[in-house]
Amino acid sequence: MGKKVEKVLKEKAEKGGGAAASSVEEETVARSAATTQEKTTPQTVEEYVCTGSLEIDFPELCALVGMKEIPAVTSRPHLPTTPTTEKSILEERQSLFTLPSGPAPAGERFVYFRPRLQVELESEDPRSVREVQVKGWKVDERMVRVFSKCLPSLSSLQSFHLWNVGLTDSVLNSLGAALPLCLKLRMLVLDGTPLPQQPYYRLIAEDSALTHLSLRNNKIDAEGAKLIGQALSTPKSTNKNLTSLNLAYNHLSDRGAEHIAQGLRLNRTLLCLSLAHNGIGDEGALKLAEVLGPFALTHEETVERRWLLLGRDSERQKSPTALRSDSKGERPLSHPSSTSLERSKDKPSRATSKKKDTPKKDEKPGAANQGTGSEAAAGKGVASGKKEENKLGKKPSDTKVPRAKGARSGGKEKRPPVVELEDKGSVVQQKPLEQLETVSPLLDSAEHRDGKLFIPGNSTLASLNLMGNSLTARSLPSLLSSLLSQGEARPGKVGTGLLRLYLARNGFPPDCDSFTKIQETLSSRDPLTKNPASRSPEGEQVQLA
């Protein structure tokens, strides 16, 4: 149809003259440009190519998913860096969140309550977005599709804040699948968004790259805390990246605190944990104190420890063999199979037949020639050299049984120690052993007491916030004992064990003896408390304990 129309237009142009021809050419060029633009314009979110600027990509993607009211993208000012700029930045922020005074036009009456996407830039470049905030408006499946497309294109994105966004379980699953696509994203804040099934544990899976996670005011109860504790650590898996977890203003109670303490048993990555305002009493505090000090292993943990020790011993047994095989250019030895042993019983080995034949072959040249003594000695040297070549040229199957028997009798005495292996430069063989010892705390030095196996407690956690709970003086001695045991476990090392323990606004008097000793222990351990300027205006009680 297009070719016929162009043909008709050309015929009219030839009849009408040059002016008509020029107009026809312009019309054809415009039509071709429109058709090419229709071909290049993306019709779906998947076809859209992001530019890396939210001001351009976000509205375009929202239009592609069929949104009529598109949230505006506004830039948040930087945090105050100097006292001179602090006042101007605060005034600018207040102007963003203040209601307009006086009568406003009909179209601008509810501008303040309209949803907006707040971003914080690293520099003046609009592509340098480091933080994105969504506050007070619903995020549905369409918006998650938009975020899944535009957020991974932000090369500087480090933090994503969501507050009161009305997520559902399915939407959170979709969002959790899109977050790993943001390569530099390390901080996620999801506050004020309660979910019925409480699938928050999926955000801190074993392969999650998040280092800071805030789940405040989400009505997380004991069941949700159980899932989060299992995500922190189990005897067979543990989270290796999360360093800060905020669970304040939830409904954990003593049961939830017990589940979180269970997750802290084998987790050696988490540094800061906030359980403030969760209705935790003495029972939950005792479970947390038990984890901080030496604790007894459960049956499942004991079994896993034995498996890890067996794997470590097998690696140590294999490493000297691998070193000898690498140095001589041979393959590592293996144990003989049952079929090879049966064949060796029925038939004589080829190695023994070769040994019987080689002396005859070596003696024939000497007997036939009947040379001088020097020639005879040379013949003996050749014969001995051939014997050594035969020994070195044997197949590995011929030498399996004798070496295996020798290894059984004195393998432990002939095994070189770890120090000698490191001196010889065999660091590659020792790396798997170091990884096994650092990955799981179950390989720490253990102590047998009363028929149970005790290992050192969690001394990685540096800050624990228990403010605003229901603790009494009954649980304070256990917390104090755990603090003292951490100091005894690693004397002379700064920064091991708890440095901050927040216990204000609980049910014990401030002049309690155990509380005073806890304050003294923390003040001598934390280097920041020695500087009076670092203390909070609320007093030393809030800052230290």
Protein backbone atom coordinates (compact mmCIF):
# COMPACT_ATOMS: atom_id res chain seq x y z
CA MET A 1 0.00 0.00 0.00
CA GLY A 2 2.81 2.41 0.85
CA LYS A 3 4.52 1.93 -2.53
CA LYS A 4 1.26 2.53 -4.41
CA VAL A 5 0.61 5.74 -2.49
CA GLU A 6 4.13 6.98 -3.20
CA LYS A 7 3.68 6.16 -6.88
CA VAL A 8 0.42 8.11 -7.07
CA LEU A 9 2.00 11.06 -5.27
CA LYS A 10 4.94 11.08 -7.68
CA GLU A 11 2.60 11.06 -10.69
CA LYS A 12 0.68 14.01 -9.24
CA ALA A 13 3.93 15.82 -8.59
CA GLU A 14 5.07 15.34 -12.19
CA LYS A 15 1.78 16.74 -13.44
CA GLY A 16 1.63 19.59 -10.89
CA GLY A 17 5.16 20.93 -11.21
CA GLY A 18 8.25 21.48 -8.99
CA ALA A 19 6.47 22.98 -5.97
CA ALA A 20 4.20 20.00 -5.65
CA ALA A 21 7.19 17.66 -6.04
CA SER A 22 9.04 19.28 -3.15
CA SER A 23 5.99 19.01 -0.89
CA VAL A 24 5.57 15.38 -1.80
CA GLU A 25 9.21 14.64 -0.95
CA GLU A 26 8.85 16.34 2.43
CA GLU A 27 5.74 14.31 3.15
CA THR A 28 7.49 11.02 2.31
CA VAL A 29 10.48 11.90 4.49
CA ALA A 30 8.17 12.70 7.41
CA ARG A 31 6.32 9.41 6.98
CA SER A 32 9.55 7.40 6.86
CA ALA A 33 10.83 9.16 9.99
CA ALA A 34 7.56 8.40 11.78
CA THR A 35 7.74 4.73 10.83
CA THR A 36 11.36 4.42 12.03
CA GLN A 37 10.46 6.18 15.27
CA GLU A 38 7.61 3.73 15.83
CA LYS A 39 10.03 0.86 15.31
CA THR A 40 12.64 2.21 17.76
CA THR A 41 10.20 3.36 20.48
CA PRO A 42 10.02 0.62 23.17
CA GLN A 43 6.59 -0.84 23.73
CA THR A 44 7.36 -2.78 26.94
CA VAL A 45 9.53 -2.37 30.02
CA GLU A 46 11.86 -5.13 28.84
CA GLU A 47 12.58 -3.31 25.55
CA TYR A 48 13.44 -0.03 27.26
CA VAL A 49 17.15 0.85 27.49
CA CYS A 50 17.96 2.78 30.67
CA THR A 51 20.13 5.87 30.50
CA GLY A 52 21.26 5.73 34.15
CA SER A 53 19.32 8.89 35.13
CA LEU A 54 16.19 8.41 37.25
CA GLU A 55 14.77 11.73 36.11
CA ILE A 56 14.56 10.30 32.58
CA ASP A 57 14.11 6.56 33.10
CA PHE A 58 11.60 6.53 35.95
CA PRO A 59 8.80 8.50 34.20
CA GLU A 60 9.31 6.59 30.95
CA LEU A 61 9.08 3.22 32.66
CA CYS A 62 6.03 4.27 34.70
CA ALA A 63 4.31 5.27 31.46
CA LEU A 64 5.15 1.91 29.90
CA VAL A 65 3.50 -0.02 32.75
CA GLY A 66 0.34 2.07 32.37
CA MET A 67 0.54 4.38 35.38
CA LYS A 68 -1.50 7.55 35.07
CA GLU A 69 -0.15 9.41 38.12
CA ILE A 70 3.63 9.21 38.02
CA PRO A 71 5.55 10.11 41.21
CA ALA A 72 7.93 13.01 40.85
CA VAL A 73 11.68 12.52 41.27
CA THR A 74 13.07 15.04 43.76
CA SER A 75 16.63 15.44 44.97
CA ARG A 76 17.38 15.37 48.69
CA PRO A 77 20.18 17.62 49.96
CA HIS A 78 23.36 16.08 51.30
CA LEU A 79 23.89 15.49 54.99
CA PRO A 80 25.52 18.44 56.78
CA THR A 81 29.28 18.31 56.56
CA THR A 82 30.24 21.59 58.25
CA PRO A 83 28.45 23.76 60.84
CA THR A 84 28.18 26.61 58.34
CA THR A 85 26.12 24.60 55.85
CA GLU A 86 24.03 22.81 58.46
CA LYS A 87 21.47 25.60 58.81
CA SER A 88 20.92 26.03 55.08
CA ILE A 89 20.48 22.30 54.55
CA LEU A 90 17.96 22.05 57.38
CA GLU A 91 15.99 24.96 55.96
CA GLU A 92 15.97 23.32 52.55
CA ARG A 93 14.71 20.06 54.00
CA GLN A 94 12.00 21.82 56.00
CA SER A 95 10.79 23.52 52.85
CA LEU A 96 10.24 20.13 51.28
CA PHE A 97 7.99 18.90 54.09
CA THR A 98 6.06 22.03 55.15
CA LEU A 99 2.46 22.63 54.13
CA PRO A 100 1.78 25.74 52.02
CA SER A 101 0.34 28.63 54.03
CA GLY A 102 -2.76 30.41 52.84
CA PRO A 103 -5.22 29.37 50.15
CA ALA A 104 -3.72 27.32 47.36
CA PRO A 105 -5.00 26.77 43.85
CA ALA A 106 -7.28 23.81 43.26
CA GLY A 107 -4.63 21.88 41.33
CA GLU A 108 -1.89 22.43 43.93
CA ARG A 109 -3.89 21.89 47.09
CA PHE A 110 -2.64 18.36 47.78
CA VAL A 111 0.84 18.58 46.28
CA TYR A 112 2.45 17.82 49.62
CA PHE A 113 0.65 14.49 49.92
CA ARG A 114 1.45 13.29 46.42
CA PRO A 115 3.97 10.44 46.15
CA ARG A 116 7.52 11.35 45.27
CA LEU A 117 10.76 9.49 44.72
CA GLN A 118 13.49 11.11 46.77
CA VAL A 119 17.08 10.59 45.68
CA GLU A 120 20.42 11.64 47.09
CA LEU A 121 23.30 12.30 44.71
CA GLU A 122 27.01 11.94 45.25
CA SER A 123 27.77 14.86 42.97
CA GLU A 124 25.99 17.23 40.60
CA ASP A 125 25.78 14.51 37.98
CA PRO A 126 22.17 13.17 37.86
CA ARG A 127 23.55 9.68 37.23
CA SER A 128 25.39 9.59 40.58
CA VAL A 129 22.41 8.44 42.69
CA ARG A 130 23.63 6.85 45.91
CA GLU A 131 20.35 6.64 47.87
CA VAL A 132 16.68 6.20 46.91
CA GLN A 133 13.81 6.76 49.37
CA VAL A 134 10.15 5.79 49.04
CA LYS A 135 7.96 7.04 51.90
CA GLY A 136 4.24 6.85 52.49
CA TRP A 137 2.89 5.54 49.17
CA LYS A 138 2.00 2.07 47.98
CA VAL A 139 4.46 0.00 45.97
CA ASP A 140 2.67 -2.62 43.86
CA GLU A 141 3.74 -5.11 41.21
CA ARG A 142 3.92 -2.46 38.50
CA MET A 143 6.19 -0.27 40.57
CA VAL A 144 8.42 -3.25 41.38
CA ARG A 145 8.75 -3.86 37.62
CA VAL A 146 9.87 -0.27 37.23
CA PHE A 147 12.36 -0.57 40.10
CA SER A 148 13.69 -3.86 38.75
CA LYS A 149 14.52 -2.12 35.48
CA CYS A 150 15.84 1.29 36.55
CA LEU A 151 17.62 0.59 39.86
CA PRO A 152 20.25 -1.84 38.44
CA SER A 153 21.28 0.86 35.96
CA LEU A 154 22.34 3.15 38.83
CA SER A 155 26.03 2.40 39.15
CA SER A 156 26.42 4.32 42.45
CA LEU A 157 23.31 3.09 44.31
CA GLN A 158 24.24 1.98 47.82
CA SER A 159 21.08 2.46 49.93
CA PHE A 160 17.36 1.84 49.35
CA HIS A 161 14.82 3.10 51.92
CA LEU A 162 11.19 1.95 52.02
CA TRP A 163 8.81 3.22 54.72
CA ASN A 164 5.11 2.46 54.96
CA VAL A 165 4.85 1.31 51.34
CA GLY A 166 2.11 -1.31 51.76
CA LEU A 167 3.95 -4.30 50.33
CA THR A 168 2.44 -7.77 50.01
CA ASP A 169 4.20 -11.10 50.30
CA SER A 170 4.37 -11.61 46.52
CA VAL A 171 5.59 -8.04 45.94
CA LEU A 172 8.35 -8.49 48.52
CA ASN A 173 9.44 -11.70 46.78
CA SER A 174 9.65 -9.86 43.46
CA LEU A 175 11.56 -7.01 45.07
CA GLY A 176 13.94 -9.43 46.78
CA ALA A 177 14.71 -11.03 43.41
CA ALA A 178 15.52 -7.63 41.89
CA LEU A 179 17.81 -6.34 44.64
CA PRO A 180 20.78 -8.64 43.80
CA LEU A 181 20.87 -7.00 40.36
CA CYS A 182 22.06 -3.77 42.03
CA LEU A 183 25.75 -4.56 42.33
CA LYS A 184 26.67 -1.87 44.89
CA LEU A 185 23.50 -1.99 47.00
CA ARG A 186 24.47 -2.78 50.60
CA MET A 187 21.81 -1.11 52.78
CA LEU A 188 18.07 -1.83 52.79
CA VAL A 189 15.58 -0.13 55.09
CA LEU A 190 12.10 -1.67 55.17
CA ASP A 191 10.28 -0.05 58.09
CA GLY A 192 6.60 0.23 58.90
CA THR A 193 5.56 -2.46 56.41
CA PRO A 194 4.05 -5.46 58.24
CA LEU A 195 3.41 -8.61 56.21
CA PRO A 196 1.19 -11.55 57.22
CA GLN A 197 3.62 -14.36 56.30
CA GLN A 198 6.70 -12.40 57.50
CA PRO A 199 9.02 -13.36 54.62
CA TYR A 200 11.71 -10.89 55.72
CA TYR A 201 14.23 -13.71 56.18
CA ARG A 202 14.54 -14.00 52.39
CA LEU A 203 16.33 -10.67 52.32
CA ILE A 204 19.26 -12.13 54.32
CA ALA A 205 19.73 -15.43 52.54
CA GLU A 206 23.15 -17.05 52.49
CA ASP A 207 24.02 -15.47 49.13
CA SER A 208 22.69 -11.99 50.02
CA ALA A 209 25.14 -9.09 49.62
CA LEU A 210 23.34 -6.76 52.07
CA THR A 211 25.41 -5.55 54.99
CA HIS A 212 22.80 -3.34 56.73
CA LEU A 213 19.13 -4.28 57.13
CA SER A 214 16.46 -2.42 59.11
CA LEU A 215 13.09 -4.07 59.83
CA ARG A 216 11.66 -1.73 62.45
CA ASN A 217 7.96 -1.57 63.31
CA ASN A 218 6.91 -4.52 61.16
CA LYS A 219 5.01 -6.50 63.85
CA ILE A 220 7.50 -9.36 63.66
CA ASP A 221 6.62 -11.99 66.26
CA ALA A 222 8.31 -15.17 67.46
CA GLU A 223 7.59 -17.08 64.23
CA GLY A 224 9.17 -14.38 62.10
CA ALA A 225 12.12 -14.21 64.50
CA LYS A 226 12.59 -17.96 64.12
CA LEU A 227 12.94 -17.61 60.35
CA ILE A 228 15.33 -14.68 60.75
CA GLY A 229 17.42 -16.63 63.26
CA GLN A 230 17.69 -19.57 60.86
CA ALA A 231 18.78 -17.18 58.12
CA LEU A 232 21.54 -15.84 60.37
CA SER A 233 23.06 -19.28 60.99
CA THR A 234 22.41 -22.99 61.21
CA PRO A 235 24.94 -25.81 61.75
CA LYS A 236 25.25 -26.17 57.96
CA SER A 237 24.84 -22.61 56.65
CA THR A 238 25.39 -19.03 57.79
CA ASN A 239 25.08 -15.49 56.48
CA LYS A 240 28.54 -14.06 55.77
CA ASN A 241 27.79 -10.44 54.78
CA LEU A 242 25.22 -8.90 57.14
CA THR A 243 26.90 -6.74 59.77
CA SER A 244 23.96 -4.69 61.11
CA LEU A 245 20.39 -5.82 61.86
CA ASN A 246 17.72 -3.55 63.37
CA LEU A 247 14.62 -5.31 64.75
CA ALA A 248 13.43 -2.55 67.08
CA TYR A 249 9.74 -1.87 67.78
CA ASN A 250 8.49 -5.36 66.95
CA HIS A 251 6.75 -8.12 68.93
CA LEU A 252 9.55 -10.63 69.48
CA SER A 253 9.00 -11.37 73.21
CA ASP A 254 11.13 -13.97 75.02
CA ARG A 255 10.53 -16.66 72.42
CA GLY A 256 11.65 -14.41 69.60
CA ALA A 257 14.78 -13.40 71.52
CA GLU A 258 15.55 -17.08 72.01
CA HIS A 259 15.32 -17.68 68.24
CA ILE A 260 17.58 -14.73 67.51
CA ALA A 261 20.06 -16.05 70.10
CA GLN A 262 19.96 -19.40 68.31
CA GLY A 263 20.99 -17.64 65.11
CA LEU A 264 23.89 -15.94 66.90
CA ARG A 265 25.44 -19.23 68.01
CA LEU A 266 27.38 -19.87 64.81
CA ASN A 267 27.21 -16.43 63.15
CA ARG A 268 30.53 -14.59 63.21
CA THR A 269 29.67 -11.68 60.89
CA LEU A 270 26.96 -9.65 62.63
CA LEU A 271 28.39 -6.67 64.55
CA CYS A 272 25.35 -4.60 65.55
CA LEU A 273 21.98 -5.95 66.69
CA SER A 274 19.04 -3.90 67.95
CA LEU A 275 16.21 -5.63 69.84
CA ALA A 276 14.87 -2.49 71.52
CA HIS A 277 11.20 -2.22 72.49
CA ASN A 278 10.26 -5.85 71.83
CA GLY A 279 8.77 -6.94 75.15
CA ILE A 280 11.81 -9.10 76.02
CA GLY A 281 12.05 -10.24 79.64
CA ASP A 282 14.60 -12.07 81.72
CA GLU A 283 14.18 -15.39 79.92
CA GLY A 284 15.10 -13.88 76.56
CA ALA A 285 18.00 -11.95 78.10
CA LEU A 286 19.34 -15.16 79.65
CA LYS A 287 19.32 -16.87 76.25
CA LEU A 288 21.24 -13.99 74.74
CA ALA A 289 23.75 -14.03 77.60
CA GLU A 290 24.23 -17.77 77.12
CA VAL A 291 25.32 -17.25 73.52
CA LEU A 292 27.79 -14.48 74.38
CA GLY A 293 29.72 -16.77 76.74
CA PRO A 294 30.92 -20.37 76.26
CA PHE A 295 27.94 -22.58 75.46
CA ALA A 296 27.33 -26.32 75.11
CA LEU A 297 26.83 -27.80 71.65
CA THR A 298 23.59 -29.50 70.74
CA HIS A 299 23.48 -32.99 69.24
CA GLU A 300 23.13 -31.63 65.70
CA GLU A 301 26.03 -29.23 66.20
CA THR A 302 28.20 -32.00 67.66
CA VAL A 303 27.53 -34.23 64.64
CA GLU A 304 28.37 -31.40 62.25
CA ARG A 305 31.56 -30.68 64.18
CA ARG A 306 32.65 -34.31 63.79
CA TRP A 307 32.01 -34.19 60.07
CA LEU A 308 34.06 -31.02 59.76
CA LEU A 309 36.89 -32.53 61.77
CA LEU A 310 36.87 -35.64 59.59
CA GLY A 311 37.05 -33.47 56.50
CA ARG A 312 39.94 -31.50 57.96
CA ASP A 313 41.84 -34.67 58.85
CA SER A 314 41.30 -36.09 55.38
CA GLU A 315 42.68 -32.91 53.86
CA ARG A 316 45.72 -33.09 56.10
CA GLN A 317 46.29 -36.70 55.11
CA LYS A 318 46.02 -35.87 51.43
CA SER A 319 48.29 -32.84 51.51
CA PRO A 320 51.66 -34.66 52.05
CA THR A 321 50.78 -37.17 49.33
CA ALA A 322 49.85 -34.39 46.97
CA LEU A 323 53.14 -32.64 47.75
CA ARG A 324 55.20 -35.75 46.98
CA SER A 325 53.29 -36.38 43.77
CA ASP A 326 53.76 -32.80 42.64
CA SER A 327 57.49 -32.85 43.40
CA LYS A 328 58.16 -36.15 41.57
CA GLY A 329 55.72 -35.61 38.74
CA GLU A 330 53.61 -38.62 39.74
CA ARG A 331 49.89 -38.91 40.28
CA PRO A 332 48.57 -39.13 43.86
CA LEU A 333 48.31 -42.62 45.21
CA SER A 334 44.96 -44.35 45.69
CA HIS A 335 43.84 -47.44 47.55
CA PRO A 336 43.63 -50.70 45.54
CA SER A 337 40.21 -51.90 44.55
CA SER A 338 38.80 -55.32 45.43
CA THR A 339 39.06 -56.57 41.84
CA SER A 340 42.76 -55.71 41.63
CA LEU A 341 43.44 -57.57 44.89
CA GLU A 342 41.63 -60.67 43.59
CA ARG A 343 43.61 -60.62 40.36
CA SER A 344 46.85 -60.31 42.30
CA LYS A 345 45.98 -63.49 44.21
CA ASP A 346 45.28 -65.50 41.06
CA LYS A 347 48.14 -64.29 38.86
CA PRO A 348 51.63 -63.18 39.74
CA SER A 349 52.21 -59.48 39.29
CA ARG A 350 54.07 -58.19 36.28
CA ALA A 351 56.47 -56.35 38.51
CA THR A 352 57.75 -59.58 40.09
CA SER A 353 58.21 -61.20 36.67
CA LYS A 354 60.17 -58.21 35.47
CA LYS A 355 62.38 -58.34 38.54
CA LYS A 356 63.20 -62.00 37.86
CA ASP A 357 63.98 -61.36 34.21
CA THR A 358 66.04 -58.24 34.52
CA PRO A 359 69.08 -59.81 36.26
CA LYS A 360 69.35 -62.42 33.51
CA LYS A 361 69.27 -59.77 30.83
CA ASP A 362 71.88 -57.74 32.68
CA GLU A 363 74.19 -60.72 33.23
CA LYS A 364 74.20 -61.84 29.58
CA PRO A 365 76.37 -59.02 28.19
CA GLY A 366 78.95 -59.47 30.97
CA ALA A 367 79.22 -63.25 30.45
CA ALA A 368 79.47 -63.07 26.70
CA ASN A 369 82.08 -60.36 26.51
CA GLN A 370 84.28 -61.51 29.44
CA GLY A 371 85.98 -58.12 29.60
CA THR A 372 88.27 -56.65 32.18
CA GLY A 373 87.33 -55.68 35.71
CA SER A 374 86.60 -52.12 34.73
CA GLU A 375 84.29 -53.30 31.99
CA ALA A 376 82.59 -55.62 34.44
CA ALA A 377 82.15 -52.77 36.89
CA ALA A 378 80.70 -50.68 34.11
CA GLY A 379 78.35 -53.50 33.30
CA LYS A 380 77.26 -53.66 36.93
CA GLY A 381 76.68 -49.90 36.91
CA VAL A 382 74.52 -50.18 33.82
CA ALA A 383 72.58 -53.00 35.40
CA SER A 384 71.99 -51.04 38.59
CA GLY A 385 70.95 -48.00 36.57
CA LYS A 386 68.44 -50.11 34.68
CA LYS A 387 67.08 -51.44 37.96
CA GLU A 388 66.53 -47.92 39.23
CA GLU A 389 64.86 -46.96 35.98
CA ASN A 390 62.57 -49.94 36.31
CA LYS A 391 61.69 -48.91 39.83
CA LEU A 392 60.92 -45.36 38.78
CA GLY A 393 59.10 -46.49 35.69
CA LYS A 394 56.64 -48.69 37.52
CA LYS A 395 52.96 -48.00 37.13
CA PRO A 396 51.06 -46.51 40.06
CA SER A 397 49.00 -49.69 40.31
CA ASP A 398 52.16 -51.66 41.04
CA THR A 399 53.07 -49.52 44.00
CA LYS A 400 49.64 -49.10 45.56
CA VAL A 401 49.65 -51.96 48.00
CA PRO A 402 53.13 -51.60 49.51
CA ARG A 403 52.72 -47.85 50.15
CA ALA A 404 49.26 -48.29 51.57
CA LYS A 405 50.54 -50.84 54.05
CA GLY A 406 53.42 -48.62 55.04
CA ALA A 407 51.10 -45.68 55.55
CA ARG A 408 49.00 -47.67 58.00
CA SER A 409 51.88 -48.52 60.28
CA GLY A 410 53.63 -45.18 60.60
CA GLY A 411 51.68 -42.59 58.62
CA LYS A 412 51.19 -40.24 61.53
CA GLU A 413 54.89 -40.16 62.47
CA LYS A 414 56.10 -39.57 58.91
CA ARG A 415 53.55 -36.85 58.21
CA PRO A 416 55.31 -33.46 58.11
CA PRO A 417 53.89 -30.77 60.40
CA VAL A 418 52.09 -27.72 59.14
CA VAL A 419 55.03 -25.40 59.83
CA GLU A 420 57.35 -27.45 57.62
CA LEU A 421 54.80 -27.45 54.83
CA GLU A 422 54.53 -23.68 54.98
CA ASP A 423 58.34 -23.32 54.96
CA LYS A 424 58.50 -25.40 51.80
CA GLY A 425 56.10 -23.06 50.07
CA SER A 426 53.06 -25.34 50.03
CA VAL A 427 50.60 -22.60 50.92
CA VAL A 428 48.14 -23.82 48.28
CA GLN A 429 47.73 -27.13 50.06
CA GLN A 430 47.00 -25.43 53.37
CA LYS A 431 44.40 -22.95 52.15
CA PRO A 432 41.44 -25.36 52.35
CA LEU A 433 42.33 -26.08 56.00
CA GLU A 434 42.36 -22.37 56.88
CA GLN A 435 39.00 -21.85 55.17
CA LEU A 436 37.46 -24.74 57.08
CA GLU A 437 38.65 -23.31 60.38
CA THR A 438 37.41 -19.79 59.66
CA VAL A 439 34.09 -20.66 58.05
CA SER A 440 32.53 -22.56 60.93
CA PRO A 441 32.98 -21.76 64.64
CA LEU A 442 32.36 -25.44 65.33
CA LEU A 443 36.06 -26.01 64.65
CA ASP A 444 37.11 -23.80 67.56
CA SER A 445 38.91 -25.35 70.49
CA ALA A 446 36.37 -27.21 72.65
CA GLU A 447 36.26 -28.18 76.30
CA HIS A 448 34.52 -31.17 77.90
CA ARG A 449 32.48 -30.37 80.98
CA ASP A 450 29.89 -32.60 82.67
CA GLY A 451 29.54 -34.81 79.61
CA LYS A 452 29.00 -31.86 77.26
CA LEU A 453 31.17 -30.12 74.71
CA PHE A 454 31.63 -26.37 75.17
CA ILE A 455 33.02 -23.93 72.59
CA PRO A 456 33.77 -20.19 72.98
CA GLY A 457 30.76 -17.90 72.64
CA ASN A 458 30.01 -15.21 70.11
CA SER A 459 32.65 -12.52 70.61
CA THR A 460 32.06 -10.89 67.20
CA LEU A 461 28.90 -9.01 68.19
CA ALA A 462 30.06 -5.55 69.26
CA SER A 463 26.76 -3.74 69.93
CA LEU A 464 23.55 -5.10 71.47
CA ASN A 465 20.56 -2.82 72.09
CA LEU A 466 18.03 -4.04 74.66
CA MET A 467 16.49 -0.68 75.56
CA GLY A 468 12.82 -0.38 76.40
CA ASN A 469 12.24 -4.04 77.33
CA SER A 470 11.17 -5.79 80.55
CA LEU A 471 14.52 -6.88 81.99
CA THR A 472 14.92 -7.06 85.76
CA ALA A 473 17.93 -7.43 88.04
CA ARG A 474 17.64 -11.24 87.77
CA SER A 475 19.17 -11.39 84.27
CA LEU A 476 21.97 -8.85 84.82
CA PRO A 477 24.42 -11.25 86.56
CA SER A 478 24.32 -13.58 83.54
CA LEU A 479 25.04 -10.69 81.18
CA LEU A 480 27.91 -9.58 83.40
CA SER A 481 29.34 -13.10 83.53
CA SER A 482 29.27 -13.34 79.74
CA LEU A 483 31.07 -10.01 79.42
CA LEU A 484 33.79 -11.11 81.82
CA SER A 485 34.19 -14.45 80.03
CA GLN A 486 34.73 -12.64 76.73
CA GLY A 487 37.56 -10.65 78.28
CA GLU A 488 39.16 -13.82 79.65
CA ALA A 489 38.87 -15.68 76.35
CA ARG A 490 41.04 -13.22 74.43
CA PRO A 491 43.11 -11.12 76.82
CA GLY A 492 45.11 -8.26 75.42
CA LYS A 493 43.05 -7.87 72.26
CA VAL A 494 41.10 -4.66 71.72
CA GLY A 495 37.69 -4.84 70.11
CA THR A 496 36.75 -8.45 70.94
CA GLY A 497 33.41 -9.04 72.56
CA LEU A 498 30.66 -6.55 73.34
CA LEU A 499 31.63 -2.89 73.30
CA ARG A 500 28.13 -1.44 73.66
CA LEU A 501 25.24 -2.89 75.66
CA TYR A 502 22.19 -0.64 75.86
CA LEU A 503 20.00 -1.48 78.87
CA ALA A 504 18.21 1.77 79.65
CA ARG A 505 14.44 1.96 80.26
CA ASN A 506 14.11 -1.54 81.71
CA GLY A 507 12.68 -2.80 84.99
CA PHE A 508 15.74 -2.63 87.28
CA PRO A 509 16.97 0.26 89.44
CA PRO A 510 19.92 2.29 88.08
CA ASP A 511 21.92 1.72 91.28
CA CYS A 512 21.88 -2.07 90.87
CA ASP A 513 25.25 -3.66 91.64
CA SER A 514 25.37 -5.81 88.50
CA PHE A 515 24.41 -2.88 86.30
CA THR A 516 27.19 -0.77 87.81
CA LYS A 517 29.74 -3.51 87.11
CA ILE A 518 28.49 -3.83 83.54
CA GLN A 519 29.05 -0.11 83.06
CA GLU A 520 32.57 -0.34 84.46
CA THR A 521 33.44 -3.31 82.25
CA LEU A 522 32.17 -1.61 79.10
CA SER A 523 33.83 1.71 79.92
CA SER A 524 37.22 0.01 80.27
CA ARG A 525 36.71 -1.89 77.01
CA ASP A 526 35.26 0.70 74.66
CA PRO A 527 37.85 3.29 73.52
CA LEU A 528 35.17 5.79 72.45
CA THR A 529 33.83 6.21 75.99
CA LYS A 530 37.16 7.66 77.12
CA ASN A 531 36.36 10.78 75.09
CA PRO A 532 33.71 12.84 76.93
CA ALA A 533 32.64 14.51 73.68
CA SER A 534 31.42 11.16 72.33
CA ARG A 535 28.80 10.70 75.07
CA SER A 536 25.17 11.39 74.36
CA PRO A 537 23.23 14.21 76.08
CA GLU A 538 20.96 11.63 77.74
CA GLY A 539 23.77 10.49 79.99
CA GLU A 540 26.30 7.76 80.41
CA GLN A 541 23.65 5.16 81.19
CA VAL A 542 22.21 5.31 77.67
CA GLN A 543 25.57 5.52 75.96
CA LEU A 544 27.25 2.64 77.76
CA ALA A 545 24.48 0.38 78.85
